[in-house]
Amino acid sequence: SAVLRVAQRTETPVLPGEAAGYVKALRLSTNDSGS
């Protein structure tokens, strides 16, 4: 069941507080996916 996902950082700076914006949508709900 393993999945490896890979990403690479660009030169674009991350502004203060901006990183949190990319994880704010990761709040899982019981209806968010299949089983």
Full PDB file with SEQRES, HELIX, SHEET, SSBOND, CRYST1, ORIGX, SCALE, CONECT and MASTER records, all heavy atoms in Angstrom:
SEQRES   1 A   35  SER ALA VAL LEU ARG VAL ALA GLN ARG THR GLU THR PRO          
SEQRES   2 A   35  VAL LEU PRO GLY GLU ALA ALA GLY TYR VAL LYS ALA LEU          
SEQRES   3 A   35  ARG LEU SER THR ASN ASP SER GLY SER                          
HELIX    1 AA1 GLU A   18  GLY A   21  1                                   4    
CRYST1    1.000    1.000    1.000  90.00  90.00  90.00 P 1           1          
ORIGX1      1.000000  0.000000  0.000000        0.00000                         
ORIGX2      0.000000  1.000000  0.000000        0.00000                         
ORIGX3      0.000000  0.000000  1.000000        0.00000                         
SCALE1      1.000000  0.000000  0.000000        0.00000                         
SCALE2      0.000000  1.000000  0.000000        0.00000                         
SCALE3      0.000000  0.000000  1.000000        0.00000                         
ATOM      1  N   SER A   1       0.810  -1.223   0.000  1.00  0.00           N  
ATOM      2  CA  SER A   1       0.000   0.000   0.000  1.00  0.00           C  
ATOM      3  C   SER A   1       0.840   1.269   0.000  1.00  0.00           C  
ATOM      4  O   SER A   1       0.304   2.369   0.101  1.00  0.00           O  
ATOM      5  CB  SER A   1      -0.927   0.010   1.225  1.00  0.00           C  
ATOM      6  OG  SER A   1      -0.170  -0.019   2.421  1.00  0.00           O  
ATOM      7  N   ALA A   2       2.147   1.138  -0.134  1.00  0.00           N  
ATOM      8  CA  ALA A   2       3.037   2.305  -0.028  1.00  0.00           C  
ATOM      9  C   ALA A   2       2.957   3.196  -1.262  1.00  0.00           C  
ATOM     10  O   ALA A   2       2.829   2.717  -2.385  1.00  0.00           O  
ATOM     11  CB  ALA A   2       4.474   1.838   0.183  1.00  0.00           C  
ATOM     12  N   VAL A   3       3.049   4.495  -1.027  1.00  0.00           N  
ATOM     13  CA  VAL A   3       3.126   5.500  -2.101  1.00  0.00           C  
ATOM     14  C   VAL A   3       4.216   6.494  -1.725  1.00  0.00           C  
ATOM     15  O   VAL A   3       4.187   7.062  -0.622  1.00  0.00           O  
ATOM     16  CB  VAL A   3       1.795   6.254  -2.287  1.00  0.00           C  
ATOM     17  CG1 VAL A   3       1.943   7.340  -3.357  1.00  0.00           C  
ATOM     18  CG2 VAL A   3       0.675   5.303  -2.656  1.00  0.00           C  
ATOM     19  N   LEU A   4       5.163   6.702  -2.612  1.00  0.00           N  
ATOM     20  CA  LEU A   4       6.204   7.715  -2.423  1.00  0.00           C  
ATOM     21  C   LEU A   4       5.855   8.934  -3.270  1.00  0.00           C  
ATOM     22  O   LEU A   4       5.657   8.819  -4.476  1.00  0.00           O  
ATOM     23  CB  LEU A   4       7.567   7.154  -2.854  1.00  0.00           C  
ATOM     24  CG  LEU A   4       8.715   8.169  -2.998  1.00  0.00           C  
ATOM     25  CD1 LEU A   4       9.076   8.790  -1.655  1.00  0.00           C  
ATOM     26  CD2 LEU A   4       9.938   7.501  -3.632  1.00  0.00           C  
ATOM     27  N   ARG A   5       5.758  10.092  -2.643  1.00  0.00           N  
ATOM     28  CA  ARG A   5       5.524  11.343  -3.367  1.00  0.00           C  
ATOM     29  C   ARG A   5       6.736  12.253  -3.173  1.00  0.00           C  
ATOM     30  O   ARG A   5       7.270  12.366  -2.061  1.00  0.00           O  
ATOM     31  CB  ARG A   5       4.247  12.029  -2.892  1.00  0.00           C  
ATOM     32  CG  ARG A   5       2.996  11.232  -3.242  1.00  0.00           C  
ATOM     33  CD  ARG A   5       1.715  12.013  -3.027  1.00  0.00           C  
ATOM     34  NE  ARG A   5       0.553  11.167  -3.270  1.00  0.00           N  
ATOM     35  CZ  ARG A   5      -0.032  11.013  -4.452  1.00  0.00           C  
ATOM     36  NH1 ARG A   5       0.431  11.677  -5.506  1.00  0.00           N  
ATOM     37  NH2 ARG A   5      -1.081  10.224  -4.593  1.00  0.00           N  
ATOM     38  N   VAL A   6       7.138  12.910  -4.250  1.00  0.00           N  
ATOM     39  CA  VAL A   6       8.370  13.694  -4.253  1.00  0.00           C  
ATOM     40  C   VAL A   6       8.078  15.095  -4.778  1.00  0.00           C  
ATOM     41  O   VAL A   6       7.314  15.271  -5.734  1.00  0.00           O  
ATOM     42  CB  VAL A   6       9.445  13.026  -5.135  1.00  0.00           C  
ATOM     43  CG1 VAL A   6      10.762  13.802  -5.058  1.00  0.00           C  
ATOM     44  CG2 VAL A   6       9.653  11.570  -4.716  1.00  0.00           C  
ATOM     45  N   ALA A   7       8.669  16.090  -4.133  1.00  0.00           N  
ATOM     46  CA  ALA A   7       8.542  17.479  -4.583  1.00  0.00           C  
ATOM     47  C   ALA A   7       9.874  18.181  -4.410  1.00  0.00           C  
ATOM     48  O   ALA A   7      10.717  17.765  -3.607  1.00  0.00           O  
ATOM     49  CB  ALA A   7       7.458  18.201  -3.798  1.00  0.00           C  
ATOM     50  N   GLN A   8      10.068  19.251  -5.173  1.00  0.00           N  
ATOM     51  CA  GLN A   8      11.314  20.010  -5.123  1.00  0.00           C  
ATOM     52  C   GLN A   8      11.015  21.475  -4.864  1.00  0.00           C  
ATOM     53  O   GLN A   8      10.087  22.057  -5.426  1.00  0.00           O  
ATOM     54  CB  GLN A   8      12.082  19.863  -6.435  1.00  0.00           C  
ATOM     55  CG  GLN A   8      13.421  20.595  -6.454  1.00  0.00           C  
ATOM     56  CD  GLN A   8      14.324  20.111  -7.572  1.00  0.00           C  
ATOM     57  OE1 GLN A   8      14.422  18.913  -7.802  1.00  0.00           O  
ATOM     58  NE2 GLN A   8      14.979  21.034  -8.257  1.00  0.00           N  
ATOM     59  N   ARG A   9      11.809  22.070  -4.001  1.00  0.00           N  
ATOM     60  CA  ARG A   9      11.649  23.481  -3.633  1.00  0.00           C  
ATOM     61  C   ARG A   9      12.155  24.379  -4.756  1.00  0.00           C  
ATOM     62  O   ARG A   9      13.195  24.108  -5.372  1.00  0.00           O  
ATOM     63  CB  ARG A   9      12.444  23.734  -2.351  1.00  0.00           C  
ATOM     64  CG  ARG A   9      12.273  25.104  -1.740  1.00  0.00           C  
ATOM     65  CD  ARG A   9      10.903  25.279  -1.099  1.00  0.00           C  
ATOM     66  NE  ARG A   9      10.893  26.538  -0.358  1.00  0.00           N  
ATOM     67  CZ  ARG A   9      10.671  27.731  -0.902  1.00  0.00           C  
ATOM     68  NH1 ARG A   9      10.404  27.839  -2.191  1.00  0.00           N  
ATOM     69  NH2 ARG A   9      10.708  28.811  -0.153  1.00  0.00           N  
ATOM     70  N   THR A  10      11.412  25.426  -5.038  1.00  0.00           N  
ATOM     71  CA  THR A  10      11.844  26.416  -6.020  1.00  0.00           C  
ATOM     72  C   THR A  10      12.578  27.552  -5.300  1.00  0.00           C  
ATOM     73  O   THR A  10      12.768  27.524  -4.084  1.00  0.00           O  
ATOM     74  CB  THR A  10      10.651  26.999  -6.788  1.00  0.00           C  
ATOM     75  OG1 THR A  10       9.883  27.822  -5.891  1.00  0.00           O  
ATOM     76  CG2 THR A  10       9.774  25.890  -7.354  1.00  0.00           C  
ATOM     77  N   GLU A  11      12.938  28.592  -6.059  1.00  0.00           N  
ATOM     78  CA  GLU A  11      13.614  29.740  -5.470  1.00  0.00           C  
ATOM     79  C   GLU A  11      12.636  30.775  -4.919  1.00  0.00           C  
ATOM     80  O   GLU A  11      13.043  31.774  -4.323  1.00  0.00           O  
ATOM     81  CB  GLU A  11      14.520  30.399  -6.516  1.00  0.00           C  
ATOM     82  CG  GLU A  11      15.680  29.507  -6.941  1.00  0.00           C  
ATOM     83  CD  GLU A  11      16.576  30.178  -7.964  1.00  0.00           C  
ATOM     84  OE1 GLU A  11      16.121  31.155  -8.593  1.00  0.00           O  
ATOM     85  OE2 GLU A  11      17.724  29.725  -8.134  1.00  0.00           O  
ATOM     86  N   THR A  12      11.335  30.549  -5.120  1.00  0.00           N  
ATOM     87  CA  THR A  12      10.339  31.496  -4.638  1.00  0.00           C  
ATOM     88  C   THR A  12      10.356  31.557  -3.115  1.00  0.00           C  
ATOM     89  O   THR A  12      10.202  30.523  -2.450  1.00  0.00           O  
ATOM     90  CB  THR A  12       8.934  31.086  -5.105  1.00  0.00           C  
ATOM     91  OG1 THR A  12       8.915  31.026  -6.533  1.00  0.00           O  
ATOM     92  CG2 THR A  12       7.876  32.077  -4.624  1.00  0.00           C  
ATOM     93  N   PRO A  13      10.525  32.727  -2.530  1.00  0.00           N  
ATOM     94  CA  PRO A  13      10.550  32.807  -1.060  1.00  0.00           C  
ATOM     95  C   PRO A  13       9.180  32.511  -0.463  1.00  0.00           C  
ATOM     96  O   PRO A  13       8.145  32.750  -1.093  1.00  0.00           O  
ATOM     97  CB  PRO A  13      10.973  34.255  -0.794  1.00  0.00           C  
ATOM     98  CG  PRO A  13      10.590  35.008  -2.031  1.00  0.00           C  
ATOM     99  CD  PRO A  13      10.745  34.042  -3.167  1.00  0.00           C  
ATOM    100  N   VAL A  14       9.198  31.977   0.752  1.00  0.00           N  
ATOM    101  CA  VAL A  14       7.969  31.750   1.508  1.00  0.00           C  
ATOM    102  C   VAL A  14       7.830  32.887   2.504  1.00  0.00           C  
ATOM    103  O   VAL A  14       8.685  33.076   3.379  1.00  0.00           O  
ATOM    104  CB  VAL A  14       8.008  30.395   2.249  1.00  0.00           C  
ATOM    105  CG1 VAL A  14       6.752  30.221   3.098  1.00  0.00           C  
ATOM    106  CG2 VAL A  14       8.132  29.257   1.251  1.00  0.00           C  
ATOM    107  N   LEU A  15       6.772  33.655   2.362  1.00  0.00           N  
ATOM    108  CA  LEU A  15       6.562  34.804   3.231  1.00  0.00           C  
ATOM    109  C   LEU A  15       6.132  34.356   4.620  1.00  0.00           C  
ATOM    110  O   LEU A  15       5.593  33.252   4.791  1.00  0.00           O  
ATOM    111  CB  LEU A  15       5.505  35.722   2.620  1.00  0.00           C  
ATOM    112  CG  LEU A  15       5.826  36.259   1.216  1.00  0.00           C  
ATOM    113  CD1 LEU A  15       4.653  37.069   0.685  1.00  0.00           C  
ATOM    114  CD2 LEU A  15       7.100  37.086   1.235  1.00  0.00           C  
ATOM    115  N   PRO A  16       6.355  35.178   5.640  1.00  0.00           N  
ATOM    116  CA  PRO A  16       5.937  34.810   7.002  1.00  0.00           C  
ATOM    117  C   PRO A  16       4.459  34.437   7.053  1.00  0.00           C  
ATOM    118  O   PRO A  16       3.601  35.167   6.567  1.00  0.00           O  
ATOM    119  CB  PRO A  16       6.220  36.090   7.811  1.00  0.00           C  
ATOM    120  CG  PRO A  16       7.322  36.770   7.056  1.00  0.00           C  
ATOM    121  CD  PRO A  16       7.049  36.484   5.605  1.00  0.00           C  
ATOM    122  N   GLY A  17       4.185  33.287   7.618  1.00  0.00           N  
ATOM    123  CA  GLY A  17       2.812  32.812   7.742  1.00  0.00           C  
ATOM    124  C   GLY A  17       2.264  32.123   6.515  1.00  0.00           C  
ATOM    125  O   GLY A  17       1.203  31.497   6.568  1.00  0.00           O  
ATOM    126  N   GLU A  18       2.964  32.227   5.385  1.00  0.00           N  
ATOM    127  CA  GLU A  18       2.457  31.651   4.137  1.00  0.00           C  
ATOM    128  C   GLU A  18       2.456  30.129   4.175  1.00  0.00           C  
ATOM    129  O   GLU A  18       1.552  29.485   3.632  1.00  0.00           O  
ATOM    130  CB  GLU A  18       3.298  32.134   2.958  1.00  0.00           C  
ATOM    131  CG  GLU A  18       2.751  31.714   1.602  1.00  0.00           C  
ATOM    132  CD  GLU A  18       3.585  32.236   0.449  1.00  0.00           C  
ATOM    133  OE1 GLU A  18       4.674  32.805   0.708  1.00  0.00           O  
ATOM    134  OE2 GLU A  18       3.160  32.079  -0.707  1.00  0.00           O  
ATOM    135  N   ALA A  19       3.467  29.531   4.804  1.00  0.00           N  
ATOM    136  CA  ALA A  19       3.553  28.071   4.841  1.00  0.00           C  
ATOM    137  C   ALA A  19       2.327  27.461   5.496  1.00  0.00           C  
ATOM    138  O   ALA A  19       1.837  26.413   5.072  1.00  0.00           O  
ATOM    139  CB  ALA A  19       4.822  27.633   5.569  1.00  0.00           C  
ATOM    140  N   ALA A  20       1.820  28.131   6.528  1.00  0.00           N  
ATOM    141  CA  ALA A  20       0.636  27.610   7.219  1.00  0.00           C  
ATOM    142  C   ALA A  20      -0.564  27.537   6.290  1.00  0.00           C  
ATOM    143  O   ALA A  20      -1.443  26.683   6.457  1.00  0.00           O  
ATOM    144  CB  ALA A  20       0.318  28.469   8.438  1.00  0.00           C  
ATOM    145  N   GLY A  21      -0.600  28.432   5.294  1.00  0.00           N  
ATOM    146  CA  GLY A  21      -1.719  28.433   4.364  1.00  0.00           C  
ATOM    147  C   GLY A  21      -1.800  27.180   3.522  1.00  0.00           C  
ATOM    148  O   GLY A  21      -2.884  26.798   3.073  1.00  0.00           O  
ATOM    149  N   TYR A  22      -0.669  26.528   3.303  1.00  0.00           N  
ATOM    150  CA  TYR A  22      -0.668  25.325   2.483  1.00  0.00           C  
ATOM    151  C   TYR A  22      -1.131  24.093   3.253  1.00  0.00           C  
ATOM    152  O   TYR A  22      -1.406  23.056   2.649  1.00  0.00           O  
ATOM    153  CB  TYR A  22       0.723  25.084   1.901  1.00  0.00           C  
ATOM    154  CG  TYR A  22       1.148  26.159   0.932  1.00  0.00           C  
ATOM    155  CD1 TYR A  22       2.208  27.001   1.231  1.00  0.00           C  
ATOM    156  CD2 TYR A  22       0.478  26.337  -0.270  1.00  0.00           C  
ATOM    157  CE1 TYR A  22       2.589  28.000   0.346  1.00  0.00           C  
ATOM    158  CE2 TYR A  22       0.850  27.335  -1.155  1.00  0.00           C  
ATOM    159  CZ  TYR A  22       1.909  28.161  -0.841  1.00  0.00           C  
ATOM    160  OH  TYR A  22       2.275  29.160  -1.716  1.00  0.00           O  
ATOM    161  N   VAL A  23      -1.194  24.197   4.568  1.00  0.00           N  
ATOM    162  CA  VAL A  23      -1.673  23.057   5.359  1.00  0.00           C  
ATOM    163  C   VAL A  23      -3.031  23.320   5.997  1.00  0.00           C  
ATOM    164  O   VAL A  23      -3.627  22.411   6.568  1.00  0.00           O  
ATOM    165  CB  VAL A  23      -0.667  22.665   6.463  1.00  0.00           C  
ATOM    166  CG1 VAL A  23       0.642  22.223   5.872  1.00  0.00           C  
ATOM    167  CG2 VAL A  23      -0.458  23.788   7.448  1.00  0.00           C  
ATOM    168  N   LYS A  24      -3.545  24.550   5.860  1.00  0.00           N  
ATOM    169  CA  LYS A  24      -4.809  24.861   6.523  1.00  0.00           C  
ATOM    170  C   LYS A  24      -5.966  24.040   5.961  1.00  0.00           C  
ATOM    171  O   LYS A  24      -6.959  23.800   6.654  1.00  0.00           O  
ATOM    172  CB  LYS A  24      -5.129  26.346   6.402  1.00  0.00           C  
ATOM    173  CG  LYS A  24      -5.467  26.797   4.985  1.00  0.00           C  
ATOM    174  CD  LYS A  24      -5.766  28.285   4.936  1.00  0.00           C  
ATOM    175  CE  LYS A  24      -6.118  28.733   3.520  1.00  0.00           C  
ATOM    176  NZ  LYS A  24      -6.411  30.192   3.474  1.00  0.00           N  
ATOM    177  N   ALA A  25      -5.840  23.584   4.712  1.00  0.00           N  
ATOM    178  CA  ALA A  25      -6.912  22.808   4.085  1.00  0.00           C  
ATOM    179  C   ALA A  25      -6.797  21.325   4.382  1.00  0.00           C  
ATOM    180  O   ALA A  25      -7.585  20.526   3.885  1.00  0.00           O  
ATOM    181  CB  ALA A  25      -6.900  23.017   2.578  1.00  0.00           C  
ATOM    182  N   LEU A  26      -5.837  20.942   5.223  1.00  0.00           N  
ATOM    183  CA  LEU A  26      -5.614  19.522   5.459  1.00  0.00           C  
ATOM    184  C   LEU A  26      -6.398  19.004   6.654  1.00  0.00           C  
ATOM    185  O   LEU A  26      -6.030  18.011   7.254  1.00  0.00           O  
ATOM    186  CB  LEU A  26      -4.115  19.262   5.681  1.00  0.00           C  
ATOM    187  CG  LEU A  26      -3.200  19.734   4.557  1.00  0.00           C  
ATOM    188  CD1 LEU A  26      -1.763  19.346   4.863  1.00  0.00           C  
ATOM    189  CD2 LEU A  26      -3.621  19.155   3.228  1.00  0.00           C  
ATOM    190  N   ARG A  27      -7.451  19.673   7.042  1.00  0.00           N  
ATOM    191  CA  ARG A  27      -8.280  19.204   8.140  1.00  0.00           C  
ATOM    192  C   ARG A  27      -9.223  18.144   7.598  1.00  0.00           C  
ATOM    193  O   ARG A  27     -10.135  18.429   6.831  1.00  0.00           O  
ATOM    194  CB  ARG A  27      -9.065  20.364   8.755  1.00  0.00           C  
ATOM    195  CG  ARG A  27      -8.155  21.510   9.177  1.00  0.00           C  
ATOM    196  CD  ARG A  27      -7.225  21.089  10.304  1.00  0.00           C  
ATOM    197  NE  ARG A  27      -6.350  22.198  10.662  1.00  0.00           N  
ATOM    198  CZ  ARG A  27      -5.025  22.157  10.523  1.00  0.00           C  
ATOM    199  NH1 ARG A  27      -4.444  21.093  10.023  1.00  0.00           N  
ATOM    200  NH2 ARG A  27      -4.298  23.182  10.893  1.00  0.00           N  
ATOM    201  N   LEU A  28      -9.012  16.918   7.993  1.00  0.00           N  
ATOM    202  CA  LEU A  28      -9.752  15.804   7.411  1.00  0.00           C  
ATOM    203  C   LEU A  28     -11.137  15.688   8.026  1.00  0.00           C  
ATOM    204  O   LEU A  28     -11.331  15.900   9.203  1.00  0.00           O  
ATOM    205  CB  LEU A  28      -8.986  14.501   7.634  1.00  0.00           C  
ATOM    206  CG  LEU A  28      -7.605  14.467   6.979  1.00  0.00           C  
ATOM    207  CD1 LEU A  28      -6.849  13.253   7.444  1.00  0.00           C  
ATOM    208  CD2 LEU A  28      -7.753  14.451   5.484  1.00  0.00           C  
ATOM    209  N   SER A  29     -12.099  15.324   7.203  1.00  0.00           N  
ATOM    210  CA  SER A  29     -13.438  15.040   7.697  1.00  0.00           C  
ATOM    211  C   SER A  29     -13.789  13.606   7.364  1.00  0.00           C  
ATOM    212  O   SER A  29     -13.183  12.967   6.523  1.00  0.00           O  
ATOM    213  CB  SER A  29     -14.464  15.980   7.051  1.00  0.00           C  
ATOM    214  OG  SER A  29     -14.651  15.648   5.689  1.00  0.00           O  
ATOM    215  N   THR A  30     -14.798  13.085   8.032  1.00  0.00           N  
ATOM    216  CA  THR A  30     -15.170  11.684   7.832  1.00  0.00           C  
ATOM    217  C   THR A  30     -15.750  11.448   6.447  1.00  0.00           C  
ATOM    218  O   THR A  30     -15.839  10.314   5.997  1.00  0.00           O  
ATOM    219  CB  THR A  30     -16.208  11.261   8.883  1.00  0.00           C  
ATOM    220  OG1 THR A  30     -17.321  12.159   8.817  1.00  0.00           O  
ATOM    221  CG2 THR A  30     -15.619  11.304  10.268  1.00  0.00           C  
ATOM    222  N   ASN A  31     -16.133  12.505   5.755  1.00  0.00           N  
ATOM    223  CA  ASN A  31     -16.736  12.331   4.429  1.00  0.00           C  
ATOM    224  C   ASN A  31     -15.773  12.688   3.307  1.00  0.00           C  
ATOM    225  O   ASN A  31     -16.167  12.877   2.161  1.00  0.00           O  
ATOM    226  CB  ASN A  31     -17.978  13.231   4.307  1.00  0.00           C  
ATOM    227  CG  ASN A  31     -19.042  12.868   5.299  1.00  0.00           C  
ATOM    228  OD1 ASN A  31     -19.295  11.699   5.537  1.00  0.00           O  
ATOM    229  ND2 ASN A  31     -19.674  13.878   5.898  1.00  0.00           N  
ATOM    230  N   ASP A  32     -14.466  12.786   3.633  1.00  0.00           N  
ATOM    231  CA  ASP A  32     -13.505  13.328   2.676  1.00  0.00           C  
ATOM    232  C   ASP A  32     -13.004  12.328   1.659  1.00  0.00           C  
ATOM    233  O   ASP A  32     -12.347  12.686   0.709  1.00  0.00           O  
ATOM    234  CB  ASP A  32     -12.311  13.907   3.441  1.00  0.00           C  
ATOM    235  CG  ASP A  32     -11.476  14.833   2.580  1.00  0.00           C  
ATOM    236  OD1 ASP A  32     -12.049  15.414   1.648  1.00  0.00           O  
ATOM    237  OD2 ASP A  32     -10.275  14.956   2.831  1.00  0.00           O  
ATOM    238  N   SER A  33     -13.269  11.055   1.841  1.00  0.00           N  
ATOM    239  CA  SER A  33     -12.717  10.100   0.887  1.00  0.00           C  
ATOM    240  C   SER A  33     -13.444   8.789   0.976  1.00  0.00           C  
ATOM    241  O   SER A  33     -14.311   8.580   1.813  1.00  0.00           O  
ATOM    242  CB  SER A  33     -11.232   9.859   1.179  1.00  0.00           C  
ATOM    243  OG  SER A  33     -11.093   9.026   2.289  1.00  0.00           O  
ATOM    244  N   GLY A  34     -13.001   7.892   0.125  1.00  0.00           N  
ATOM    245  CA  GLY A  34     -13.460   6.524   0.199  1.00  0.00           C  
ATOM    246  C   GLY A  34     -12.820   5.825   1.365  1.00  0.00           C  
ATOM    247  O   GLY A  34     -12.091   6.400   2.150  1.00  0.00           O  
ATOM    248  N   SER A  35     -13.028   4.509   1.479  1.00  0.00           N  
ATOM    249  CA  SER A  35     -12.648   3.811   2.694  1.00  0.00           C  
ATOM    250  C   SER A  35     -11.352   3.059   2.606  1.00  0.00           C  
ATOM    251  O   SER A  35     -10.982   2.380   3.538  1.00  0.00           O  
ATOM    252  CB  SER A  35     -13.765   2.822   3.070  1.00  0.00           C  
ATOM    253  OG  SER A  35     -13.922   1.876   2.034  1.00  0.00           O  
TER     254      SER A  35                                                      
MASTER        0    0    0    1    0    0    0    6  253    1    0    3          
END                                                                             
